[in-house]
Amino acid sequence: MHGATSAAAEQAEAARYALLRRLAPAMRHHLVVNLQPIGMVYELMDHRLRGPQPDLAHVQAGAHKIHGFAKAALHSCLDLVAWLAPDEPVSTPCRTGVEECMGLLASSLAFAGYAVRVDVQARSGEVSQSAVRHVLTAALVHCTDAVAAPAELDLSAVARPAGLEVTLAVRRVAGEGGNALAATYRPLAWPDVDALAGAEGVAIARIGEGMVLNFPWVHPPMD
């Protein structure tokens, strides 16, 4: 029993590493979003300060913008660390968790030729943030690895008595594919998603080329 448990843990760790390697480009983009404007605002402030009569009001406004972007960048960095190594179990509202994962992957999926539709019907209740981050993103990456573009991804999330039920359906469509993304690491296979789901306590089942994920409630809906 101990050997089987150890093997499952090792498989989950390998799958988590592969997932993070695949997510690295999207994470890099999200970090840069708040860092790039800082240099632009600095150059504008420097230009104004070099003028014969610097407009201090505009300079002060620029300093406030830099402060805001720096705070946002710090938050992004700390959040990224939580993806890599969560300090403690954290719960997240259903909609927030799903939208975070979709927001991370939406641009790259659209660029690659996947049309994504999201319908989160669950209005309340909280699930494990780590579970949603790792299992849902792994499921999305796996489905797009398995089904070449062009394709449609339909994601729906509904509240059930035992937890949040997320259904991910994939449909091949006619037409030309999108821009193929350069492979940053190996494809994610079904055993990877299954291993991550087992490690996070998420029930998972295949439905055609998609799947159904059931995330247990940390805080059930009150309504």
C-alpha atoms as a PDB file:
ATOM      1  CA  MET A   1       0.000   0.000   0.000  1.00  0.00           C
ATOM      2  CA  HIS A   2       2.804   2.387   0.898  1.00  0.00           C
ATOM      3  CA  GLY A   3       4.546   1.683  -2.412  1.00  0.00           C
ATOM      4  CA  ALA A   4       1.371   2.399  -4.374  1.00  0.00           C
ATOM      5  CA  THR A   5       0.822   5.641  -2.442  1.00  0.00           C
ATOM      6  CA  SER A   6       4.398   6.714  -3.067  1.00  0.00           C
ATOM      7  CA  ALA A   7       4.124   5.931  -6.794  1.00  0.00           C
ATOM      8  CA  ALA A   8       0.884   7.952  -7.060  1.00  0.00           C
ATOM      9  CA  ALA A   9       2.517  10.902  -5.306  1.00  0.00           C
ATOM     10  CA  GLU A  10       5.507  10.766  -7.627  1.00  0.00           C
ATOM     11  CA  GLN A  11       3.248  10.616 -10.682  1.00  0.00           C
ATOM     12  CA  ALA A  12       1.294  13.635  -9.424  1.00  0.00           C
ATOM     13  CA  GLU A  13       4.512  15.597  -8.851  1.00  0.00           C
ATOM     14  CA  ALA A  14       5.745  14.758 -12.350  1.00  0.00           C
ATOM     15  CA  ALA A  15       2.397  15.833 -13.805  1.00  0.00           C
ATOM     16  CA  ARG A  16       2.464  19.077 -11.800  1.00  0.00           C
ATOM     17  CA  TYR A  17       5.944  19.865 -13.095  1.00  0.00           C
ATOM     18  CA  ALA A  18       4.880  19.184 -16.687  1.00  0.00           C
ATOM     19  CA  LEU A  19       1.803  21.394 -16.247  1.00  0.00           C
ATOM     20  CA  LEU A  20       3.799  24.311 -14.835  1.00  0.00           C
ATOM     21  CA  ARG A  21       6.281  24.010 -17.684  1.00  0.00           C
ATOM     22  CA  ARG A  22       3.382  24.259 -20.133  1.00  0.00           C
ATOM     23  CA  LEU A  23       1.886  27.225 -18.273  1.00  0.00           C
ATOM     24  CA  ALA A  24       5.182  29.111 -18.034  1.00  0.00           C
ATOM     25  CA  PRO A  25       4.683  31.256 -21.198  1.00  0.00           C
ATOM     26  CA  ALA A  26       1.221  32.370 -20.057  1.00  0.00           C
ATOM     27  CA  MET A  27       2.506  33.118 -16.556  1.00  0.00           C
ATOM     28  CA  ARG A  28       5.407  35.121 -18.010  1.00  0.00           C
ATOM     29  CA  HIS A  29       2.943  37.189 -20.048  1.00  0.00           C
ATOM     30  CA  HIS A  30       0.831  37.954 -16.984  1.00  0.00           C
ATOM     31  CA  LEU A  31       3.886  39.097 -15.041  1.00  0.00           C
ATOM     32  CA  VAL A  32       5.099  41.370 -17.842  1.00  0.00           C
ATOM     33  CA  VAL A  33       1.685  43.021 -18.223  1.00  0.00           C
ATOM     34  CA  ASN A  34       2.241  45.049 -15.041  1.00  0.00           C
ATOM     35  CA  LEU A  35       5.984  45.559 -15.493  1.00  0.00           C
ATOM     36  CA  GLN A  36       6.086  46.992 -19.029  1.00  0.00           C
ATOM     37  CA  PRO A  37       4.097  50.177 -18.239  1.00  0.00           C
ATOM     38  CA  ILE A  38       6.538  51.125 -15.468  1.00  0.00           C
ATOM     39  CA  GLY A  39       9.338  51.771 -17.969  1.00  0.00           C
ATOM     40  CA  MET A  40       7.014  53.708 -20.256  1.00  0.00           C
ATOM     41  CA  VAL A  41       5.779  55.972 -17.443  1.00  0.00           C
ATOM     42  CA  TYR A  42       9.342  56.472 -16.226  1.00  0.00           C
ATOM     43  CA  GLU A  43      10.501  57.629 -19.674  1.00  0.00           C
ATOM     44  CA  LEU A  44       7.611  60.088 -19.860  1.00  0.00           C
ATOM     45  CA  MET A  45       8.393  61.455 -16.387  1.00  0.00           C
ATOM     46  CA  ASP A  46      12.078  61.768 -17.247  1.00  0.00           C
ATOM     47  CA  HIS A  47      11.213  63.692 -20.419  1.00  0.00           C
ATOM     48  CA  ARG A  48       8.988  66.119 -18.499  1.00  0.00           C
ATOM     49  CA  LEU A  49      11.560  66.657 -15.763  1.00  0.00           C
ATOM     50  CA  ARG A  50      14.163  67.627 -18.369  1.00  0.00           C
ATOM     51  CA  GLY A  51      11.964  70.424 -19.691  1.00  0.00           C
ATOM     52  CA  PRO A  52      12.618  74.071 -18.786  1.00  0.00           C
ATOM     53  CA  GLN A  53       9.517  74.212 -16.581  1.00  0.00           C
ATOM     54  CA  PRO A  54       8.621  70.715 -15.349  1.00  0.00           C
ATOM     55  CA  ASP A  55       4.929  70.116 -14.739  1.00  0.00           C
ATOM     56  CA  LEU A  56       5.163  68.673 -11.242  1.00  0.00           C
ATOM     57  CA  ALA A  57       1.481  67.752 -11.178  1.00  0.00           C
ATOM     58  CA  HIS A  58       1.957  65.430 -14.155  1.00  0.00           C
ATOM     59  CA  VAL A  59       5.162  64.065 -12.648  1.00  0.00           C
ATOM     60  CA  GLN A  60       3.350  63.305  -9.394  1.00  0.00           C
ATOM     61  CA  ALA A  61       0.558  61.597 -11.318  1.00  0.00           C
ATOM     62  CA  GLY A  62       3.185  59.490 -13.086  1.00  0.00           C
ATOM     63  CA  ALA A  63       4.734  58.525  -9.751  1.00  0.00           C
ATOM     64  CA  HIS A  64       1.319  57.358  -8.523  1.00  0.00           C
ATOM     65  CA  LYS A  65       0.915  55.261 -11.678  1.00  0.00           C
ATOM     66  CA  ILE A  66       4.307  53.643 -11.153  1.00  0.00           C
ATOM     67  CA  HIS A  67       3.348  52.879  -7.554  1.00  0.00           C
ATOM     68  CA  GLY A  68       0.122  51.231  -8.724  1.00  0.00           C
ATOM     69  CA  PHE A  69       1.840  49.149 -11.398  1.00  0.00           C
ATOM     70  CA  ALA A  70       4.564  48.111  -8.938  1.00  0.00           C
ATOM     71  CA  LYS A  71       1.958  46.941  -6.408  1.00  0.00           C
ATOM     72  CA  ALA A  72       0.154  44.984  -9.116  1.00  0.00           C
ATOM     73  CA  ALA A  73       3.441  43.422 -10.255  1.00  0.00           C
ATOM     74  CA  LEU A  74       4.289  42.435  -6.671  1.00  0.00           C
ATOM     75  CA  HIS A  75       0.865  40.833  -6.275  1.00  0.00           C
ATOM     76  CA  SER A  76       1.393  38.902  -9.525  1.00  0.00           C
ATOM     77  CA  CYS A  77       4.786  37.647  -8.337  1.00  0.00           C
ATOM     78  CA  LEU A  78       3.403  36.482  -4.986  1.00  0.00           C
ATOM     79  CA  ASP A  79       0.482  34.831  -6.745  1.00  0.00           C
ATOM     80  CA  LEU A  80       2.869  33.023  -9.073  1.00  0.00           C
ATOM     81  CA  VAL A  81       4.788  31.675  -6.082  1.00  0.00           C
ATOM     82  CA  ALA A  82       1.489  30.332  -4.729  1.00  0.00           C
ATOM     83  CA  TRP A  83       1.036  28.408  -7.994  1.00  0.00           C
ATOM     84  CA  LEU A  84       4.438  26.833  -7.473  1.00  0.00           C
ATOM     85  CA  ALA A  85       4.264  26.178  -3.722  1.00  0.00           C
ATOM     86  CA  PRO A  86       1.084  27.112  -1.814  1.00  0.00           C
ATOM     87  CA  ASP A  87       1.873  28.074   1.790  1.00  0.00           C
ATOM     88  CA  GLU A  88      -1.418  26.744   3.125  1.00  0.00           C
ATOM     89  CA  PRO A  89      -4.777  25.520   1.819  1.00  0.00           C
ATOM     90  CA  VAL A  90      -6.790  28.392   0.346  1.00  0.00           C
ATOM     91  CA  SER A  91     -10.346  28.362  -0.952  1.00  0.00           C
ATOM     92  CA  THR A  92     -11.657  30.409  -3.855  1.00  0.00           C
ATOM     93  CA  PRO A  93     -15.181  31.333  -5.010  1.00  0.00           C
ATOM     94  CA  CYS A  94     -16.354  29.149  -7.887  1.00  0.00           C
ATOM     95  CA  ARG A  95     -16.534  31.904 -10.480  1.00  0.00           C
ATOM     96  CA  THR A  96     -13.199  33.416  -9.426  1.00  0.00           C
ATOM     97  CA  GLY A  97     -11.391  30.097  -9.665  1.00  0.00           C
ATOM     98  CA  VAL A  98     -12.756  29.220 -13.097  1.00  0.00           C
ATOM     99  CA  GLU A  99     -12.218  32.728 -14.496  1.00  0.00           C
ATOM    100  CA  GLU A 100      -8.623  32.806 -13.221  1.00  0.00           C
ATOM    101  CA  CYS A 101      -7.762  29.618 -15.096  1.00  0.00           C
ATOM    102  CA  MET A 102      -9.548  30.717 -18.252  1.00  0.00           C
ATOM    103  CA  GLY A 103      -7.942  34.163 -18.076  1.00  0.00           C
ATOM    104  CA  LEU A 104      -4.518  32.573 -17.892  1.00  0.00           C
ATOM    105  CA  LEU A 105      -5.051  30.433 -20.994  1.00  0.00           C
ATOM    106  CA  ALA A 106      -7.601  32.403 -23.045  1.00  0.00           C
ATOM    107  CA  SER A 107      -5.139  34.382 -25.185  1.00  0.00           C
ATOM    108  CA  SER A 108      -2.966  31.410 -26.106  1.00  0.00           C
ATOM    109  CA  LEU A 109      -6.003  29.224 -26.848  1.00  0.00           C
ATOM    110  CA  ALA A 110      -7.581  31.849 -29.099  1.00  0.00           C
ATOM    111  CA  PHE A 111      -4.268  32.399 -30.872  1.00  0.00           C
ATOM    112  CA  ALA A 112      -3.965  28.664 -31.490  1.00  0.00           C
ATOM    113  CA  GLY A 113      -7.461  28.440 -32.994  1.00  0.00           C
ATOM    114  CA  TYR A 114      -9.697  27.331 -30.109  1.00  0.00           C
ATOM    115  CA  ALA A 115     -13.001  29.107 -29.576  1.00  0.00           C
ATOM    116  CA  VAL A 116     -13.840  29.050 -25.867  1.00  0.00           C
ATOM    117  CA  ARG A 117     -17.246  29.487 -24.247  1.00  0.00           C
ATOM    118  CA  VAL A 118     -17.603  29.610 -20.465  1.00  0.00           C
ATOM    119  CA  ASP A 119     -20.837  29.359 -18.483  1.00  0.00           C
ATOM    120  CA  VAL A 120     -20.441  29.440 -14.691  1.00  0.00           C
ATOM    121  CA  GLN A 121     -23.915  28.904 -13.249  1.00  0.00           C
ATOM    122  CA  ALA A 122     -22.696  28.435  -9.665  1.00  0.00           C
ATOM    123  CA  ARG A 123     -23.225  31.766  -7.882  1.00  0.00           C
ATOM    124  CA  SER A 124     -21.794  30.926  -4.471  1.00  0.00           C
ATOM    125  CA  GLY A 125     -19.739  28.325  -2.668  1.00  0.00           C
ATOM    126  CA  GLU A 126     -15.946  27.932  -2.497  1.00  0.00           C
ATOM    127  CA  VAL A 127     -13.587  25.178  -3.600  1.00  0.00           C
ATOM    128  CA  SER A 128      -9.876  24.533  -3.200  1.00  0.00           C
ATOM    129  CA  GLN A 129      -7.845  27.114  -5.117  1.00  0.00           C
ATOM    130  CA  SER A 130      -4.991  24.667  -5.650  1.00  0.00           C
ATOM    131  CA  ALA A 131      -7.367  22.022  -7.005  1.00  0.00           C
ATOM    132  CA  VAL A 132      -8.978  24.370  -9.523  1.00  0.00           C
ATOM    133  CA  ARG A 133      -5.660  25.844 -10.618  1.00  0.00           C
ATOM    134  CA  HIS A 134      -3.917  22.554 -11.224  1.00  0.00           C
ATOM    135  CA  VAL A 135      -6.697  20.203 -12.298  1.00  0.00           C
ATOM    136  CA  LEU A 136      -8.786  22.559 -14.438  1.00  0.00           C
ATOM    137  CA  THR A 137      -5.796  24.019 -16.288  1.00  0.00           C
ATOM    138  CA  ALA A 138      -4.376  20.530 -16.791  1.00  0.00           C
ATOM    139  CA  ALA A 139      -7.720  19.407 -18.230  1.00  0.00           C
ATOM    140  CA  LEU A 140      -7.789  22.361 -20.628  1.00  0.00           C
ATOM    141  CA  VAL A 141      -4.221  21.803 -21.775  1.00  0.00           C
ATOM    142  CA  HIS A 142      -4.799  18.064 -22.203  1.00  0.00           C
ATOM    143  CA  CYS A 143      -7.953  18.562 -24.276  1.00  0.00           C
ATOM    144  CA  THR A 144      -6.245  21.009 -26.615  1.00  0.00           C
ATOM    145  CA  ASP A 145      -3.248  18.696 -26.889  1.00  0.00           C
ATOM    146  CA  ALA A 146      -5.547  15.825 -27.851  1.00  0.00           C
ATOM    147  CA  VAL A 147      -7.832  17.724 -30.264  1.00  0.00           C
ATOM    148  CA  ALA A 148      -6.111  19.780 -32.942  1.00  0.00           C
ATOM    149  CA  ALA A 149      -7.454  23.216 -33.869  1.00  0.00           C
ATOM    150  CA  PRO A 150      -9.781  24.455 -35.125  1.00  0.00           C
ATOM    151  CA  ALA A 151     -12.032  23.319 -32.305  1.00  0.00           C
ATOM    152  CA  GLU A 152     -14.550  24.638 -29.806  1.00  0.00           C
ATOM    153  CA  LEU A 153     -14.242  24.343 -26.039  1.00  0.00           C
ATOM    154  CA  ASP A 154     -17.391  24.580 -23.948  1.00  0.00           C
ATOM    155  CA  LEU A 155     -16.883  24.869 -20.200  1.00  0.00           C
ATOM    156  CA  SER A 156     -19.847  24.863 -17.837  1.00  0.00           C
ATOM    157  CA  ALA A 157     -19.819  24.896 -14.042  1.00  0.00           C
ATOM    158  CA  VAL A 158     -22.832  24.117 -11.867  1.00  0.00           C
ATOM    159  CA  ALA A 159     -23.262  23.675  -8.122  1.00  0.00           C
ATOM    160  CA  ARG A 160     -24.080  20.139  -6.975  1.00  0.00           C
ATOM    161  CA  PRO A 161     -24.697  18.943  -3.412  1.00  0.00           C
ATOM    162  CA  ALA A 162     -21.224  17.420  -3.125  1.00  0.00           C
ATOM    163  CA  GLY A 163     -19.277  20.109  -4.957  1.00  0.00           C
ATOM    164  CA  LEU A 164     -18.722  22.151  -8.101  1.00  0.00           C
ATOM    165  CA  GLU A 165     -19.282  20.134 -11.265  1.00  0.00           C
ATOM    166  CA  VAL A 166     -17.266  21.386 -14.239  1.00  0.00           C
ATOM    167  CA  THR A 167     -17.993  19.917 -17.660  1.00  0.00           C
ATOM    168  CA  LEU A 168     -15.474  20.450 -20.443  1.00  0.00           C
ATOM    169  CA  ALA A 169     -16.674  19.528 -23.916  1.00  0.00           C
ATOM    170  CA  VAL A 170     -14.467  19.638 -27.028  1.00  0.00           C
ATOM    171  CA  ARG A 171     -15.801  19.715 -30.574  1.00  0.00           C
ATOM    172  CA  ARG A 172     -13.809  19.585 -33.770  1.00  0.00           C
ATOM    173  CA  VAL A 173     -14.977  22.126 -36.346  1.00  0.00           C
ATOM    174  CA  ALA A 174     -14.289  22.647 -40.019  1.00  0.00           C
ATOM    175  CA  GLY A 175     -11.902  25.331 -41.172  1.00  0.00           C
ATOM    176  CA  GLU A 176      -8.278  26.288 -40.986  1.00  0.00           C
ATOM    177  CA  GLY A 177      -6.354  25.896 -37.759  1.00  0.00           C
ATOM    178  CA  GLY A 178      -4.923  28.791 -35.833  1.00  0.00           C
ATOM    179  CA  ASN A 179      -1.300  29.635 -35.255  1.00  0.00           C
ATOM    180  CA  ALA A 180       0.425  26.602 -33.810  1.00  0.00           C
ATOM    181  CA  LEU A 181       2.116  27.364 -30.503  1.00  0.00           C
ATOM    182  CA  ALA A 182       5.726  26.374 -30.074  1.00  0.00           C
ATOM    183  CA  ALA A 183       5.888  23.355 -27.785  1.00  0.00           C
ATOM    184  CA  THR A 184       7.444  24.399 -24.481  1.00  0.00           C
ATOM    185  CA  TYR A 185       7.361  20.887 -23.022  1.00  0.00           C
ATOM    186  CA  ARG A 186       5.771  17.501 -23.583  1.00  0.00           C
ATOM    187  CA  PRO A 187       2.006  17.084 -24.133  1.00  0.00           C
ATOM    188  CA  LEU A 188      -0.174  16.422 -21.096  1.00  0.00           C
ATOM    189  CA  ALA A 189      -1.707  12.948 -21.257  1.00  0.00           C
ATOM    190  CA  TRP A 190      -4.809  11.629 -19.510  1.00  0.00           C
ATOM    191  CA  PRO A 191      -2.739   9.924 -16.756  1.00  0.00           C
ATOM    192  CA  ASP A 192      -1.266  13.358 -15.910  1.00  0.00           C
ATOM    193  CA  VAL A 193      -4.694  14.906 -15.413  1.00  0.00           C
ATOM    194  CA  ASP A 194      -5.903  11.842 -13.515  1.00  0.00           C
ATOM    195  CA  ALA A 195      -2.862  11.939 -11.204  1.00  0.00           C
ATOM    196  CA  LEU A 196      -3.346  15.628 -10.415  1.00  0.00           C
ATOM    197  CA  ALA A 197      -7.055  15.065  -9.787  1.00  0.00           C
ATOM    198  CA  GLY A 198      -6.264  12.218  -7.385  1.00  0.00           C
ATOM    199  CA  ALA A 199      -3.725  14.328  -5.506  1.00  0.00           C
ATOM    200  CA  GLU A 200      -6.212  17.207  -5.149  1.00  0.00           C
ATOM    201  CA  GLY A 201      -9.216  15.037  -4.225  1.00  0.00           C
ATOM    202  CA  VAL A 202     -11.101  15.820  -7.450  1.00  0.00           C
ATOM    203  CA  ALA A 203     -13.363  13.198  -9.044  1.00  0.00           C
ATOM    204  CA  ILE A 204     -12.836  13.036 -12.791  1.00  0.00           C
ATOM    205  CA  ALA A 205     -14.397  11.137 -15.682  1.00  0.00           C
ATOM    206  CA  ARG A 206     -14.007  11.173 -19.437  1.00  0.00           C
ATOM    207  CA  ILE A 207     -16.883  12.107 -21.729  1.00  0.00           C
ATOM    208  CA  GLY A 208     -15.830  11.620 -25.335  1.00  0.00           C
ATOM    209  CA  GLU A 209     -12.917  13.957 -25.955  1.00  0.00           C
ATOM    210  CA  GLY A 210     -13.848  16.078 -22.944  1.00  0.00           C
ATOM    211  CA  MET A 211     -14.336  15.367 -19.258  1.00  0.00           C
ATOM    212  CA  VAL A 212     -16.322  16.079 -16.105  1.00  0.00           C
ATOM    213  CA  LEU A 213     -14.570  17.325 -12.979  1.00  0.00           C
ATOM    214  CA  ASN A 214     -16.116  17.413  -9.519  1.00  0.00           C
ATOM    215  CA  PHE A 215     -14.416  19.746  -7.027  1.00  0.00           C
ATOM    216  CA  PRO A 216     -15.491  19.092  -3.391  1.00  0.00           C
ATOM    217  CA  TRP A 217     -16.858  22.071  -1.471  1.00  0.00           C
ATOM    218  CA  VAL A 218     -14.601  23.801   1.020  1.00  0.00           C
ATOM    219  CA  HIS A 219     -17.482  26.147   1.806  1.00  0.00           C
ATOM    220  CA  PRO A 220     -20.824  24.942   0.362  1.00  0.00           C
ATOM    221  CA  PRO A 221     -23.285  27.418  -1.167  1.00  0.00           C
ATOM    222  CA  MET A 222     -25.497  29.120   1.385  1.00  0.00           C
ATOM    223  CA  ASP A 223     -28.505  29.533  -0.917  1.00  0.00           C
END
